[in-house]
Amino acid sequence: MRGRPVMEWRRATVTDAVALRDLERSASRAGLAHVFGELPYPDDDVLSRWVLLLDDPEVVVEVAEDDEGLVVLAAHDGASLRHLAVRPDHWGSGLGREGFARAERAGARRLWVLADNARARGLYESLGWRPSGATQECPWPPFPTELEYAAP
């Protein structure tokens, strides 16, 4: 990881959809290979989801970037943290915590996380969030279990 530069956050636009998909793919491949294995990444479906989210007036997608592209994303809707991802070369920089805090300040009080995503669960638990007991199936093969987390 490089030294952490000062990051300016901005609201994402539809022109960021591909970059959002690519950042999410990079973080997923690096951190969730033990869950998704060799399955192909659902590029088209994830891109379509980003286009829909960016068009949803209830959802705020915030990003920060460096000269190589997007570094962090935080998507929230005033009640839930929808997505949080940090480019793997910036893991451990505090940007995930910063994105999480932005969503919390906007009212996020719940989120869904893969049960096998120990890195994310560790972050949420270090910030006081806990599993609510609710579970659901992830929409992507192999359909792993997601846990709902709630604010204290």
N, C-alpha and C. Protein backbone atom coordinates (compact mmCIF):
# COMPACT_ATOMS: atom_id res chain seq x y z
N MET A 1 0.84 -1.18 0.00
CA MET A 1 0.00 0.00 0.00
C MET A 1 0.88 1.24 0.00
N ARG A 2 0.54 2.18 -0.79
CA ARG A 2 1.23 3.47 -0.82
C ARG A 2 0.84 4.30 0.39
N GLY A 3 1.59 5.39 0.63
CA GLY A 3 1.18 6.32 1.66
C GLY A 3 -0.18 6.88 1.32
N ARG A 4 -0.98 7.13 2.31
CA ARG A 4 -2.35 7.59 2.07
C ARG A 4 -2.38 9.06 1.70
N PRO A 5 -2.74 9.35 0.47
CA PRO A 5 -2.90 10.75 0.08
C PRO A 5 -4.20 11.31 0.62
N VAL A 6 -4.30 12.61 0.66
CA VAL A 6 -5.56 13.24 1.03
C VAL A 6 -6.53 12.99 -0.12
N MET A 7 -7.69 12.46 0.20
CA MET A 7 -8.67 12.13 -0.82
C MET A 7 -9.83 13.11 -0.77
N GLU A 8 -10.18 13.63 -1.92
CA GLU A 8 -11.37 14.46 -2.06
C GLU A 8 -12.52 13.55 -2.47
N TRP A 9 -13.59 13.56 -1.70
CA TRP A 9 -14.78 12.78 -2.03
C TRP A 9 -15.67 13.61 -2.95
N ARG A 10 -16.36 12.93 -3.83
CA ARG A 10 -17.33 13.58 -4.70
C ARG A 10 -18.48 12.62 -4.94
N ARG A 11 -19.58 13.17 -5.41
CA ARG A 11 -20.73 12.33 -5.76
C ARG A 11 -20.49 11.71 -7.13
N ALA A 12 -20.69 10.41 -7.23
CA ALA A 12 -20.52 9.70 -8.49
C ALA A 12 -21.66 10.04 -9.44
N THR A 13 -21.38 9.94 -10.73
CA THR A 13 -22.39 10.14 -11.77
C THR A 13 -22.44 8.90 -12.64
N VAL A 14 -23.38 8.88 -13.56
CA VAL A 14 -23.52 7.73 -14.44
C VAL A 14 -22.25 7.48 -15.26
N THR A 15 -21.45 8.50 -15.47
CA THR A 15 -20.19 8.30 -16.20
C THR A 15 -19.19 7.49 -15.39
N ASP A 16 -19.46 7.28 -14.10
CA ASP A 16 -18.59 6.48 -13.24
C ASP A 16 -19.01 5.01 -13.16
N ALA A 17 -20.08 4.63 -13.82
CA ALA A 17 -20.63 3.28 -13.65
C ALA A 17 -19.60 2.19 -13.93
N VAL A 18 -18.87 2.29 -15.01
CA VAL A 18 -17.88 1.26 -15.34
C VAL A 18 -16.77 1.23 -14.29
N ALA A 19 -16.31 2.40 -13.86
CA ALA A 19 -15.26 2.46 -12.85
C ALA A 19 -15.75 1.89 -11.51
N LEU A 20 -17.01 2.11 -11.16
CA LEU A 20 -17.58 1.53 -9.95
C LEU A 20 -17.60 0.01 -10.04
N ARG A 21 -18.04 -0.50 -11.17
CA ARG A 21 -18.05 -1.94 -11.39
C ARG A 21 -16.63 -2.50 -11.28
N ASP A 22 -15.67 -1.81 -11.90
CA ASP A 22 -14.30 -2.30 -11.90
C ASP A 22 -13.68 -2.28 -10.50
N LEU A 23 -13.97 -1.24 -9.72
CA LEU A 23 -13.47 -1.19 -8.35
C LEU A 23 -14.09 -2.31 -7.53
N GLU A 24 -15.39 -2.49 -7.65
CA GLU A 24 -16.05 -3.56 -6.91
C GLU A 24 -15.48 -4.93 -7.30
N ARG A 25 -15.25 -5.15 -8.60
CA ARG A 25 -14.67 -6.41 -9.07
C ARG A 25 -13.28 -6.63 -8.46
N SER A 26 -12.44 -5.61 -8.49
CA SER A 26 -11.09 -5.72 -7.95
C SER A 26 -11.11 -6.08 -6.47
N ALA A 27 -11.94 -5.40 -5.70
CA ALA A 27 -12.03 -5.69 -4.27
C ALA A 27 -12.60 -7.08 -4.02
N SER A 28 -13.60 -7.47 -4.80
CA SER A 28 -14.21 -8.79 -4.63
C SER A 28 -13.23 -9.91 -4.96
N ARG A 29 -12.52 -9.76 -6.05
CA ARG A 29 -11.56 -10.80 -6.44
C ARG A 29 -10.45 -10.94 -5.41
N ALA A 30 -10.00 -9.83 -4.85
CA ALA A 30 -8.92 -9.88 -3.87
C ALA A 30 -9.40 -10.39 -2.51
N GLY A 31 -10.57 -10.00 -2.10
CA GLY A 31 -11.01 -10.31 -0.75
C GLY A 31 -12.00 -11.44 -0.61
N LEU A 32 -12.61 -11.86 -1.73
CA LEU A 32 -13.67 -12.86 -1.64
C LEU A 32 -13.44 -14.07 -2.53
N ALA A 33 -12.20 -14.29 -2.94
CA ALA A 33 -11.88 -15.45 -3.79
C ALA A 33 -12.28 -16.75 -3.09
N HIS A 34 -12.17 -16.78 -1.76
CA HIS A 34 -12.54 -17.98 -1.01
C HIS A 34 -14.05 -18.25 -1.06
N VAL A 35 -14.83 -17.26 -1.42
CA VAL A 35 -16.28 -17.41 -1.51
C VAL A 35 -16.71 -17.74 -2.95
N PHE A 36 -16.19 -16.95 -3.90
CA PHE A 36 -16.65 -17.07 -5.28
C PHE A 36 -15.75 -17.93 -6.16
N GLY A 37 -14.57 -18.26 -5.68
CA GLY A 37 -13.68 -19.17 -6.39
C GLY A 37 -13.41 -18.73 -7.82
N GLU A 38 -13.51 -19.68 -8.72
CA GLU A 38 -13.21 -19.43 -10.14
C GLU A 38 -14.44 -19.02 -10.95
N LEU A 39 -15.54 -18.77 -10.30
CA LEU A 39 -16.74 -18.35 -11.04
C LEU A 39 -16.46 -17.04 -11.77
N PRO A 40 -16.99 -16.87 -12.96
CA PRO A 40 -16.78 -15.60 -13.67
C PRO A 40 -17.49 -14.46 -12.94
N TYR A 41 -16.84 -13.31 -12.94
CA TYR A 41 -17.45 -12.14 -12.31
C TYR A 41 -18.65 -11.70 -13.14
N PRO A 42 -19.78 -11.38 -12.51
CA PRO A 42 -21.00 -10.98 -13.26
C PRO A 42 -20.93 -9.53 -13.74
N ASP A 43 -19.95 -9.24 -14.61
CA ASP A 43 -19.69 -7.87 -15.06
C ASP A 43 -20.93 -7.13 -15.53
N ASP A 44 -21.68 -7.73 -16.44
CA ASP A 44 -22.84 -7.04 -17.01
C ASP A 44 -23.92 -6.77 -15.96
N ASP A 45 -24.19 -7.76 -15.11
CA ASP A 45 -25.21 -7.58 -14.08
C ASP A 45 -24.80 -6.52 -13.06
N VAL A 46 -23.54 -6.53 -12.67
CA VAL A 46 -23.07 -5.54 -11.69
C VAL A 46 -23.08 -4.14 -12.31
N LEU A 47 -22.68 -4.03 -13.57
CA LEU A 47 -22.72 -2.74 -14.25
C LEU A 47 -24.17 -2.23 -14.33
N SER A 48 -25.10 -3.09 -14.67
CA SER A 48 -26.51 -2.70 -14.73
C SER A 48 -27.01 -2.23 -13.37
N ARG A 49 -26.59 -2.93 -12.31
CA ARG A 49 -26.99 -2.52 -10.96
C ARG A 49 -26.45 -1.13 -10.64
N TRP A 50 -25.19 -0.84 -11.01
CA TRP A 50 -24.63 0.49 -10.75
C TRP A 50 -25.39 1.57 -11.51
N VAL A 51 -25.74 1.31 -12.76
CA VAL A 51 -26.50 2.29 -13.54
C VAL A 51 -27.83 2.59 -12.85
N LEU A 52 -28.51 1.55 -12.38
CA LEU A 52 -29.78 1.75 -11.66
C LEU A 52 -29.59 2.53 -10.37
N LEU A 53 -28.55 2.18 -9.60
CA LEU A 53 -28.30 2.89 -8.34
C LEU A 53 -27.98 4.36 -8.59
N LEU A 54 -27.18 4.64 -9.60
CA LEU A 54 -26.82 6.02 -9.90
C LEU A 54 -28.02 6.84 -10.36
N ASP A 55 -29.02 6.17 -10.89
CA ASP A 55 -30.23 6.84 -11.36
C ASP A 55 -31.29 6.98 -10.26
N ASP A 56 -31.08 6.30 -9.12
CA ASP A 56 -32.05 6.29 -8.03
C ASP A 56 -31.85 7.54 -7.17
N PRO A 57 -32.84 8.44 -7.09
CA PRO A 57 -32.66 9.67 -6.31
C PRO A 57 -32.52 9.42 -4.80
N GLU A 58 -32.88 8.24 -4.33
CA GLU A 58 -32.75 7.90 -2.90
C GLU A 58 -31.33 7.48 -2.53
N VAL A 59 -30.53 7.10 -3.53
CA VAL A 59 -29.20 6.54 -3.27
C VAL A 59 -28.14 7.58 -3.56
N VAL A 60 -27.21 7.71 -2.63
CA VAL A 60 -26.04 8.57 -2.79
C VAL A 60 -24.84 7.66 -2.97
N VAL A 61 -24.11 7.86 -4.05
CA VAL A 61 -22.87 7.11 -4.29
C VAL A 61 -21.74 8.11 -4.25
N GLU A 62 -20.86 7.94 -3.27
CA GLU A 62 -19.72 8.83 -3.12
C GLU A 62 -18.44 8.07 -3.43
N VAL A 63 -17.49 8.77 -4.04
CA VAL A 63 -16.23 8.15 -4.44
C VAL A 63 -15.07 9.10 -4.17
N ALA A 64 -13.88 8.53 -4.12
CA ALA A 64 -12.65 9.30 -4.11
C ALA A 64 -11.70 8.58 -5.05
N GLU A 65 -10.80 9.34 -5.66
CA GLU A 65 -9.93 8.75 -6.67
C GLU A 65 -8.52 9.31 -6.57
N ASP A 66 -7.63 8.60 -7.23
CA ASP A 66 -6.27 9.08 -7.39
C ASP A 66 -5.95 9.05 -8.88
N ASP A 67 -4.70 9.20 -9.23
CA ASP A 67 -4.35 9.25 -10.65
C ASP A 67 -4.54 7.92 -11.38
N GLU A 68 -4.80 6.84 -10.64
CA GLU A 68 -5.05 5.54 -11.26
C GLU A 68 -6.53 5.21 -11.34
N GLY A 69 -7.39 6.06 -10.82
CA GLY A 69 -8.82 5.81 -10.88
C GLY A 69 -9.47 5.81 -9.51
N LEU A 70 -10.66 5.23 -9.44
CA LEU A 70 -11.40 5.20 -8.18
C LEU A 70 -10.65 4.38 -7.14
N VAL A 71 -10.64 4.90 -5.92
CA VAL A 71 -9.96 4.25 -4.81
C VAL A 71 -10.97 3.69 -3.80
N VAL A 72 -12.08 4.40 -3.62
CA VAL A 72 -13.07 4.00 -2.62
C VAL A 72 -14.45 4.42 -3.11
N LEU A 73 -15.44 3.62 -2.73
CA LEU A 73 -16.83 3.97 -2.99
C LEU A 73 -17.65 3.67 -1.76
N ALA A 74 -18.65 4.49 -1.53
CA ALA A 74 -19.62 4.28 -0.45
C ALA A 74 -20.99 4.66 -1.02
N ALA A 75 -21.89 3.69 -1.05
CA ALA A 75 -23.25 3.93 -1.55
C ALA A 75 -24.21 3.72 -0.39
N HIS A 76 -25.09 4.69 -0.19
CA HIS A 76 -26.03 4.61 0.92
C HIS A 76 -27.33 5.32 0.53
N ASP A 77 -28.39 5.02 1.29
CA ASP A 77 -29.70 5.57 0.93
C ASP A 77 -30.41 6.27 2.09
N GLY A 78 -29.66 6.65 3.11
CA GLY A 78 -30.28 7.32 4.24
C GLY A 78 -30.73 6.36 5.32
N ALA A 79 -30.87 5.09 5.01
CA ALA A 79 -31.22 4.07 6.00
C ALA A 79 -30.20 2.93 6.02
N SER A 80 -29.63 2.64 4.85
CA SER A 80 -28.73 1.49 4.70
C SER A 80 -27.44 1.87 4.00
N LEU A 81 -26.37 1.21 4.41
CA LEU A 81 -25.14 1.22 3.63
C LEU A 81 -25.34 0.16 2.56
N ARG A 82 -25.36 0.55 1.31
CA ARG A 82 -25.62 -0.38 0.21
C ARG A 82 -24.35 -1.07 -0.28
N HIS A 83 -23.27 -0.29 -0.42
CA HIS A 83 -22.01 -0.82 -0.93
C HIS A 83 -20.87 -0.01 -0.35
N LEU A 84 -19.79 -0.71 -0.03
CA LEU A 84 -18.56 -0.08 0.42
C LEU A 84 -17.42 -0.90 -0.15
N ALA A 85 -16.51 -0.25 -0.85
CA ALA A 85 -15.36 -0.96 -1.41
C ALA A 85 -14.16 -0.04 -1.46
N VAL A 86 -13.00 -0.63 -1.23
CA VAL A 86 -11.73 0.08 -1.31
C VAL A 86 -10.83 -0.72 -2.24
N ARG A 87 -10.15 -0.03 -3.13
CA ARG A 87 -9.21 -0.70 -4.03
C ARG A 87 -8.15 -1.41 -3.18
N PRO A 88 -7.84 -2.66 -3.48
CA PRO A 88 -6.95 -3.43 -2.62
C PRO A 88 -5.60 -2.78 -2.31
N ASP A 89 -5.06 -1.99 -3.21
CA ASP A 89 -3.77 -1.35 -2.91
C ASP A 89 -3.91 -0.23 -1.88
N HIS A 90 -5.14 0.05 -1.44
CA HIS A 90 -5.38 1.05 -0.39
C HIS A 90 -6.02 0.43 0.86
N TRP A 91 -6.10 -0.90 0.92
CA TRP A 91 -6.62 -1.55 2.11
C TRP A 91 -5.74 -1.17 3.29
N GLY A 92 -6.37 -0.94 4.42
CA GLY A 92 -5.65 -0.58 5.63
C GLY A 92 -5.34 0.91 5.74
N SER A 93 -5.82 1.70 4.79
CA SER A 93 -5.52 3.13 4.77
C SER A 93 -6.50 3.97 5.57
N GLY A 94 -7.60 3.38 6.02
CA GLY A 94 -8.63 4.13 6.72
C GLY A 94 -9.75 4.62 5.82
N LEU A 95 -9.62 4.39 4.50
CA LEU A 95 -10.66 4.86 3.59
C LEU A 95 -11.98 4.11 3.76
N GLY A 96 -11.92 2.83 4.09
CA GLY A 96 -13.15 2.08 4.36
C GLY A 96 -13.89 2.66 5.56
N ARG A 97 -13.16 2.97 6.62
CA ARG A 97 -13.77 3.59 7.80
C ARG A 97 -14.36 4.96 7.45
N GLU A 98 -13.64 5.70 6.62
CA GLU A 98 -14.13 7.02 6.21
C GLU A 98 -15.41 6.91 5.40
N GLY A 99 -15.46 5.98 4.46
CA GLY A 99 -16.68 5.76 3.68
C GLY A 99 -17.83 5.31 4.56
N PHE A 100 -17.54 4.42 5.49
CA PHE A 100 -18.55 3.95 6.43
C PHE A 100 -19.10 5.11 7.26
N ALA A 101 -18.20 5.96 7.75
CA ALA A 101 -18.63 7.12 8.55
C ALA A 101 -19.50 8.06 7.73
N ARG A 102 -19.20 8.23 6.47
CA ARG A 102 -20.03 9.10 5.61
C ARG A 102 -21.45 8.55 5.53
N ALA A 103 -21.57 7.23 5.36
CA ALA A 103 -22.89 6.60 5.28
C ALA A 103 -23.63 6.72 6.62
N GLU A 104 -22.91 6.53 7.71
CA GLU A 104 -23.54 6.67 9.04
C GLU A 104 -24.05 8.08 9.27
N ARG A 105 -23.24 9.06 8.92
CA ARG A 105 -23.66 10.46 9.10
C ARG A 105 -24.91 10.78 8.27
N ALA A 106 -25.08 10.07 7.16
CA ALA A 106 -26.26 10.27 6.30
C ALA A 106 -27.46 9.46 6.77
N GLY A 107 -27.30 8.70 7.85
CA GLY A 107 -28.44 7.98 8.42
C GLY A 107 -28.41 6.48 8.29
N ALA A 108 -27.39 5.89 7.69
CA ALA A 108 -27.33 4.43 7.54
C ALA A 108 -27.30 3.77 8.92
N ARG A 109 -28.19 2.81 9.12
CA ARG A 109 -28.27 2.09 10.39
C ARG A 109 -28.33 0.58 10.19
N ARG A 110 -28.19 0.14 8.93
CA ARG A 110 -28.17 -1.29 8.65
C ARG A 110 -27.40 -1.54 7.36
N LEU A 111 -27.00 -2.78 7.16
CA LEU A 111 -26.29 -3.20 5.96
C LEU A 111 -26.36 -4.71 5.87
N TRP A 112 -26.02 -5.23 4.68
CA TRP A 112 -25.91 -6.67 4.46
C TRP A 112 -24.47 -6.96 4.08
N VAL A 113 -23.92 -8.04 4.63
CA VAL A 113 -22.54 -8.43 4.37
C VAL A 113 -22.48 -9.95 4.25
N LEU A 114 -21.59 -10.43 3.39
CA LEU A 114 -21.43 -11.88 3.28
C LEU A 114 -20.94 -12.44 4.61
N ALA A 115 -21.52 -13.55 5.01
CA ALA A 115 -21.13 -14.19 6.27
C ALA A 115 -19.64 -14.53 6.25
N ASP A 116 -19.09 -14.86 5.09
CA ASP A 116 -17.68 -15.25 4.97
C ASP A 116 -16.76 -14.08 4.64
N ASN A 117 -17.23 -12.85 4.76
CA ASN A 117 -16.40 -11.67 4.51
C ASN A 117 -15.85 -11.17 5.85
N ALA A 118 -14.84 -11.88 6.33
CA ALA A 118 -14.28 -11.58 7.66
C ALA A 118 -13.70 -10.17 7.73
N ARG A 119 -13.09 -9.71 6.65
CA ARG A 119 -12.48 -8.37 6.65
C ARG A 119 -13.55 -7.29 6.90
N ALA A 120 -14.64 -7.34 6.14
CA ALA A 120 -15.71 -6.35 6.30
C ALA A 120 -16.39 -6.50 7.65
N ARG A 121 -16.68 -7.72 8.05
CA ARG A 121 -17.34 -7.94 9.34
C ARG A 121 -16.48 -7.41 10.49
N GLY A 122 -15.18 -7.59 10.38
CA GLY A 122 -14.28 -7.06 11.40
C GLY A 122 -14.36 -5.54 11.49
N LEU A 123 -14.41 -4.88 10.32
CA LEU A 123 -14.55 -3.43 10.31
C LEU A 123 -15.85 -3.01 10.99
N TYR A 124 -16.97 -3.60 10.57
CA TYR A 124 -18.26 -3.21 11.11
C TYR A 124 -18.33 -3.46 12.62
N GLU A 125 -17.81 -4.60 13.06
CA GLU A 125 -17.84 -4.91 14.48
C GLU A 125 -16.93 -3.99 15.28
N SER A 126 -15.80 -3.58 14.69
CA SER A 126 -14.90 -2.65 15.39
C SER A 126 -15.57 -1.28 15.58
N LEU A 127 -16.58 -1.00 14.77
CA LEU A 127 -17.31 0.26 14.86
C LEU A 127 -18.60 0.12 15.68
N GLY A 128 -18.77 -1.04 16.29
CA GLY A 128 -19.90 -1.24 17.19
C GLY A 128 -21.12 -1.90 16.58
N TRP A 129 -21.12 -2.13 15.29
CA TRP A 129 -22.26 -2.77 14.64
C TRP A 129 -22.25 -4.27 14.93
N ARG A 130 -23.43 -4.86 14.96
CA ARG A 130 -23.56 -6.28 15.28
C ARG A 130 -24.58 -6.93 14.35
N PRO A 131 -24.46 -8.27 14.15
CA PRO A 131 -25.48 -8.97 13.37
C PRO A 131 -26.84 -8.87 14.05
N SER A 132 -27.88 -8.66 13.25
CA SER A 132 -29.24 -8.55 13.79
C SER A 132 -29.90 -9.91 13.95
N GLY A 133 -29.33 -10.92 13.30
CA GLY A 133 -29.94 -12.25 13.29
C GLY A 133 -30.64 -12.56 11.98
N ALA A 134 -30.88 -11.54 11.15
CA ALA A 134 -31.53 -11.76 9.85
C ALA A 134 -30.49 -12.23 8.83
N THR A 135 -30.88 -13.13 7.96
CA THR A 135 -30.02 -13.63 6.89
C THR A 135 -30.79 -13.63 5.57
N GLN A 136 -30.04 -13.64 4.48
CA GLN A 136 -30.63 -13.77 3.15
C GLN A 136 -29.58 -14.40 2.24
N GLU A 137 -30.03 -14.82 1.08
CA GLU A 137 -29.14 -15.40 0.09
C GLU A 137 -28.59 -14.31 -0.82
N CYS A 138 -27.30 -14.31 -1.05
CA CYS A 138 -26.68 -13.39 -1.99
C CYS A 138 -27.22 -13.66 -3.40
N PRO A 139 -27.44 -12.63 -4.21
CA PRO A 139 -28.00 -12.85 -5.54
C PRO A 139 -27.02 -13.42 -6.56
N TRP A 140 -25.73 -13.53 -6.23
CA TRP A 140 -24.73 -14.00 -7.18
C TRP A 140 -24.30 -15.43 -6.84
N PRO A 141 -24.13 -16.29 -7.86
CA PRO A 141 -23.64 -17.65 -7.60
C PRO A 141 -22.29 -17.60 -6.89
N PRO A 142 -22.06 -18.49 -5.98
CA PRO A 142 -22.82 -19.67 -5.56
C PRO A 142 -23.88 -19.39 -4.49
N PHE A 143 -24.36 -18.16 -4.42
CA PHE A 143 -25.45 -17.75 -3.54
C PHE A 143 -25.12 -17.93 -2.05
N PRO A 144 -23.99 -17.37 -1.60
CA PRO A 144 -23.63 -17.51 -0.19
C PRO A 144 -24.58 -16.70 0.71
N THR A 145 -24.50 -16.98 1.98
CA THR A 145 -25.36 -16.31 2.96
C THR A 145 -24.86 -14.92 3.28
N GLU A 146 -25.81 -14.00 3.34
CA GLU A 146 -25.54 -12.63 3.79
C GLU A 146 -26.16 -12.45 5.17
N LEU A 147 -25.49 -11.66 6.00
CA LEU A 147 -25.99 -11.33 7.33
C LEU A 147 -26.35 -9.85 7.36
N GLU A 148 -27.45 -9.54 8.04
CA GLU A 148 -27.77 -8.14 8.26
C GLU A 148 -27.02 -7.68 9.51
N TYR A 149 -26.40 -6.49 9.41
CA TYR A 149 -25.77 -5.85 10.56
C TYR A 149 -26.56 -4.58 10.86
N ALA A 150 -26.60 -4.22 12.15
CA ALA A 150 -27.33 -3.05 12.57
C ALA A 150 -26.46 -2.19 13.50
N ALA A 151 -26.72 -0.90 13.44
CA ALA A 151 -26.02 0.06 14.28
C ALA A 151 -26.39 -0.17 15.75
N PRO A 152 -25.49 0.20 16.63
CA PRO A 152 -25.80 0.04 18.07
C PRO A 152 -26.92 0.97 18.51
